[in-house]
Amino acid sequence: QVRLEESGGGSVQPGGSLRLSCVGSGFSVSDQIMTWHRQAPDEAREWLATLAPGGATFYSDSAKGRFTVSRDDHKNTLVLQMDSLKPEDKAAYYCQNFDASTWGQGTWVTVSS
């Protein structure tokens, strides 16, 4: 069974950083197209980044320059490093196994002073 579990969310001040993790089970993260998304209250889910099996990365304009997607193959984990966080980054963050159309349960991020 394909499963995803995010962690690493929390509260941070503007300009701070957070590192989100997404542990995969039932498949190899390195073999699948993996994505990160977020959803703010009363807004549609927004795509942020994609990591392809060959290592290619793609970012939305919102994420480009501040967020970095990577993976730890030994831990079968997808990672989203988020720097220079802004109040508008407040949202629930989700990882997705695109090939299996499977989502994690999300982890909440709050950015405020």
C-alpha atoms as a PDB file:
ATOM      1  CA  GLN A   1       0.000   0.000   0.000  1.00  0.00           C
ATOM      2  CA  VAL A   2       1.336   3.390  -1.021  1.00  0.00           C
ATOM      3  CA  ARG A   3       1.411   5.823   1.892  1.00  0.00           C
ATOM      4  CA  LEU A   4       2.911   9.240   2.589  1.00  0.00           C
ATOM      5  CA  GLU A   5       3.422  10.977   5.925  1.00  0.00           C
ATOM      6  CA  GLU A   6       4.521  14.595   6.220  1.00  0.00           C
ATOM      7  CA  SER A   7       6.202  16.194   9.226  1.00  0.00           C
ATOM      8  CA  GLY A   8       8.243  19.256  10.099  1.00  0.00           C
ATOM      9  CA  GLY A   9       5.568  21.923  10.087  1.00  0.00           C
ATOM     10  CA  GLY A  10       5.248  24.474  12.848  1.00  0.00           C
ATOM     11  CA  SER A  11       5.334  28.157  13.645  1.00  0.00           C
ATOM     12  CA  VAL A  12       8.205  30.398  12.537  1.00  0.00           C
ATOM     13  CA  GLN A  13       8.887  34.127  12.363  1.00  0.00           C
ATOM     14  CA  PRO A  14       9.069  35.934   9.015  1.00  0.00           C
ATOM     15  CA  GLY A  15      12.452  35.343   7.421  1.00  0.00           C
ATOM     16  CA  GLY A  16      12.823  32.007   9.162  1.00  0.00           C
ATOM     17  CA  SER A  17      13.224  28.513   7.764  1.00  0.00           C
ATOM     18  CA  LEU A  18      11.509  25.166   8.038  1.00  0.00           C
ATOM     19  CA  ARG A  19      12.370  21.738   6.661  1.00  0.00           C
ATOM     20  CA  LEU A  20       9.432  19.532   5.752  1.00  0.00           C
ATOM     21  CA  SER A  21       9.794  15.792   5.359  1.00  0.00           C
ATOM     22  CA  CYS A  22       7.558  13.283   3.595  1.00  0.00           C
ATOM     23  CA  VAL A  23       8.254   9.630   4.330  1.00  0.00           C
ATOM     24  CA  GLY A  24       7.065   7.168   1.713  1.00  0.00           C
ATOM     25  CA  SER A  25       6.049   3.569   2.306  1.00  0.00           C
ATOM     26  CA  GLY A  26       5.020   0.865  -0.132  1.00  0.00           C
ATOM     27  CA  PHE A  27       7.157   2.351  -2.903  1.00  0.00           C
ATOM     28  CA  SER A  28      10.521   3.998  -3.565  1.00  0.00           C
ATOM     29  CA  VAL A  29      10.497   7.796  -3.541  1.00  0.00           C
ATOM     30  CA  SER A  30      13.394   7.739  -6.013  1.00  0.00           C
ATOM     31  CA  ASP A  31      11.322   5.884  -8.622  1.00  0.00           C
ATOM     32  CA  GLN A  32       8.307   8.170  -8.671  1.00  0.00           C
ATOM     33  CA  ILE A  33       7.452  11.721  -9.671  1.00  0.00           C
ATOM     34  CA  MET A  34       7.028  13.451  -6.312  1.00  0.00           C
ATOM     35  CA  THR A  35       5.453  16.842  -5.705  1.00  0.00           C
ATOM     36  CA  TRP A  36       4.827  19.378  -2.937  1.00  0.00           C
ATOM     37  CA  HIS A  37       1.676  21.477  -2.705  1.00  0.00           C
ATOM     38  CA  ARG A  38       0.083  23.776  -0.173  1.00  0.00           C
ATOM     39  CA  GLN A  39      -3.390  24.959   0.652  1.00  0.00           C
ATOM     40  CA  ALA A  40      -4.195  28.113   2.583  1.00  0.00           C
ATOM     41  CA  PRO A  41      -7.589  28.487   4.307  1.00  0.00           C
ATOM     42  CA  ASP A  42     -10.407  29.128   1.812  1.00  0.00           C
ATOM     43  CA  GLU A  43      -8.033  28.833  -1.138  1.00  0.00           C
ATOM     44  CA  ALA A  44      -7.353  26.203  -3.789  1.00  0.00           C
ATOM     45  CA  ARG A  45      -4.468  23.790  -3.434  1.00  0.00           C
ATOM     46  CA  GLU A  46      -1.339  25.250  -5.033  1.00  0.00           C
ATOM     47  CA  TRP A  47       1.491  23.289  -6.652  1.00  0.00           C
ATOM     48  CA  LEU A  48       4.948  24.282  -5.390  1.00  0.00           C
ATOM     49  CA  ALA A  49       7.610  21.861  -6.615  1.00  0.00           C
ATOM     50  CA  THR A  50       8.279  18.617  -8.451  1.00  0.00           C
ATOM     51  CA  LEU A  51      11.169  16.187  -8.180  1.00  0.00           C
ATOM     52  CA  ALA A  52      11.482  13.694 -11.027  1.00  0.00           C
ATOM     53  CA  PRO A  53      13.130  10.269 -10.695  1.00  0.00           C
ATOM     54  CA  GLY A  54      16.164  11.432 -12.659  1.00  0.00           C
ATOM     55  CA  GLY A  55      16.672  14.357 -10.296  1.00  0.00           C
ATOM     56  CA  ALA A  56      15.188  17.174 -12.353  1.00  0.00           C
ATOM     57  CA  THR A  57      13.381  19.777 -10.259  1.00  0.00           C
ATOM     58  CA  PHE A  58      10.649  22.228 -11.144  1.00  0.00           C
ATOM     59  CA  TYR A  59       9.256  25.099  -9.069  1.00  0.00           C
ATOM     60  CA  SER A  60       6.312  27.444  -9.112  1.00  0.00           C
ATOM     61  CA  ASP A  61       6.978  31.163  -9.073  1.00  0.00           C
ATOM     62  CA  SER A  62       5.908  31.175  -5.407  1.00  0.00           C
ATOM     63  CA  ALA A  63       8.586  28.638  -4.503  1.00  0.00           C
ATOM     64  CA  LYS A  64      11.410  29.541  -6.863  1.00  0.00           C
ATOM     65  CA  GLY A  65      14.457  30.964  -5.108  1.00  0.00           C
ATOM     66  CA  ARG A  66      13.197  30.242  -1.568  1.00  0.00           C
ATOM     67  CA  PHE A  67      12.172  26.571  -1.516  1.00  0.00           C
ATOM     68  CA  THR A  68      14.308  23.568  -2.420  1.00  0.00           C
ATOM     69  CA  VAL A  69      12.975  20.064  -3.071  1.00  0.00           C
ATOM     70  CA  SER A  70      15.233  17.059  -2.567  1.00  0.00           C
ATOM     71  CA  ARG A  71      15.111  13.466  -1.398  1.00  0.00           C
ATOM     72  CA  ASP A  72      16.962  11.169   0.947  1.00  0.00           C
ATOM     73  CA  ASP A  73      16.954   7.777  -0.744  1.00  0.00           C
ATOM     74  CA  HIS A  74      18.277   5.972   2.330  1.00  0.00           C
ATOM     75  CA  LYS A  75      15.312   7.215   4.363  1.00  0.00           C
ATOM     76  CA  ASN A  76      12.865   7.011   1.417  1.00  0.00           C
ATOM     77  CA  THR A  77      11.973  10.610   2.199  1.00  0.00           C
ATOM     78  CA  LEU A  78      11.061  13.654   0.142  1.00  0.00           C
ATOM     79  CA  VAL A  79      12.214  16.965   1.607  1.00  0.00           C
ATOM     80  CA  LEU A  80      11.144  20.575   1.153  1.00  0.00           C
ATOM     81  CA  GLN A  81      13.572  23.141   2.560  1.00  0.00           C
ATOM     82  CA  MET A  82      11.803  26.461   2.954  1.00  0.00           C
ATOM     83  CA  ASP A  83      13.811  29.630   3.571  1.00  0.00           C
ATOM     84  CA  SER A  84      12.951  33.323   3.833  1.00  0.00           C
ATOM     85  CA  LEU A  85       9.428  32.448   4.892  1.00  0.00           C
ATOM     86  CA  LYS A  86       6.718  35.081   4.612  1.00  0.00           C
ATOM     87  CA  PRO A  87       3.342  35.439   6.359  1.00  0.00           C
ATOM     88  CA  GLU A  88       1.644  34.506   3.076  1.00  0.00           C
ATOM     89  CA  ASP A  89       3.367  31.098   3.205  1.00  0.00           C
ATOM     90  CA  LYS A  90       0.972  30.110   5.990  1.00  0.00           C
ATOM     91  CA  ALA A  91      -0.810  26.974   4.781  1.00  0.00           C
ATOM     92  CA  ALA A  92      -1.144  23.229   5.078  1.00  0.00           C
ATOM     93  CA  TYR A  93       1.665  21.579   3.095  1.00  0.00           C
ATOM     94  CA  TYR A  94       1.146  18.279   1.312  1.00  0.00           C
ATOM     95  CA  CYS A  95       3.384  15.877  -0.542  1.00  0.00           C
ATOM     96  CA  GLN A  96       2.126  13.749  -3.394  1.00  0.00           C
ATOM     97  CA  ASN A  97       3.199  10.607  -5.191  1.00  0.00           C
ATOM     98  CA  PHE A  98       2.089  11.866  -8.588  1.00  0.00           C
ATOM     99  CA  ASP A  99       2.357   8.497 -10.323  1.00  0.00           C
ATOM    100  CA  ALA A 100       0.198   6.762  -7.708  1.00  0.00           C
ATOM    101  CA  SER A 101      -2.143   9.739  -7.203  1.00  0.00           C
ATOM    102  CA  THR A 102      -1.560   9.496  -3.461  1.00  0.00           C
ATOM    103  CA  TRP A 103      -1.419  12.358  -0.968  1.00  0.00           C
ATOM    104  CA  GLY A 104      -0.131  12.678   2.542  1.00  0.00           C
ATOM    105  CA  GLN A 105      -2.265  14.057   5.371  1.00  0.00           C
ATOM    106  CA  GLY A 106      -0.511  17.433   5.398  1.00  0.00           C
ATOM    107  CA  THR A 107       1.539  19.437   7.879  1.00  0.00           C
ATOM    108  CA  TRP A 108       0.648  22.935   8.975  1.00  0.00           C
ATOM    109  CA  VAL A 109       2.986  25.934   8.628  1.00  0.00           C
ATOM    110  CA  THR A 110       2.395  29.298  10.314  1.00  0.00           C
ATOM    111  CA  VAL A 111       4.578  32.358   9.707  1.00  0.00           C
ATOM    112  CA  SER A 112       4.005  35.255  12.073  1.00  0.00           C
ATOM    113  CA  SER A 113       5.832  37.583  14.408  1.00  0.00           C
END
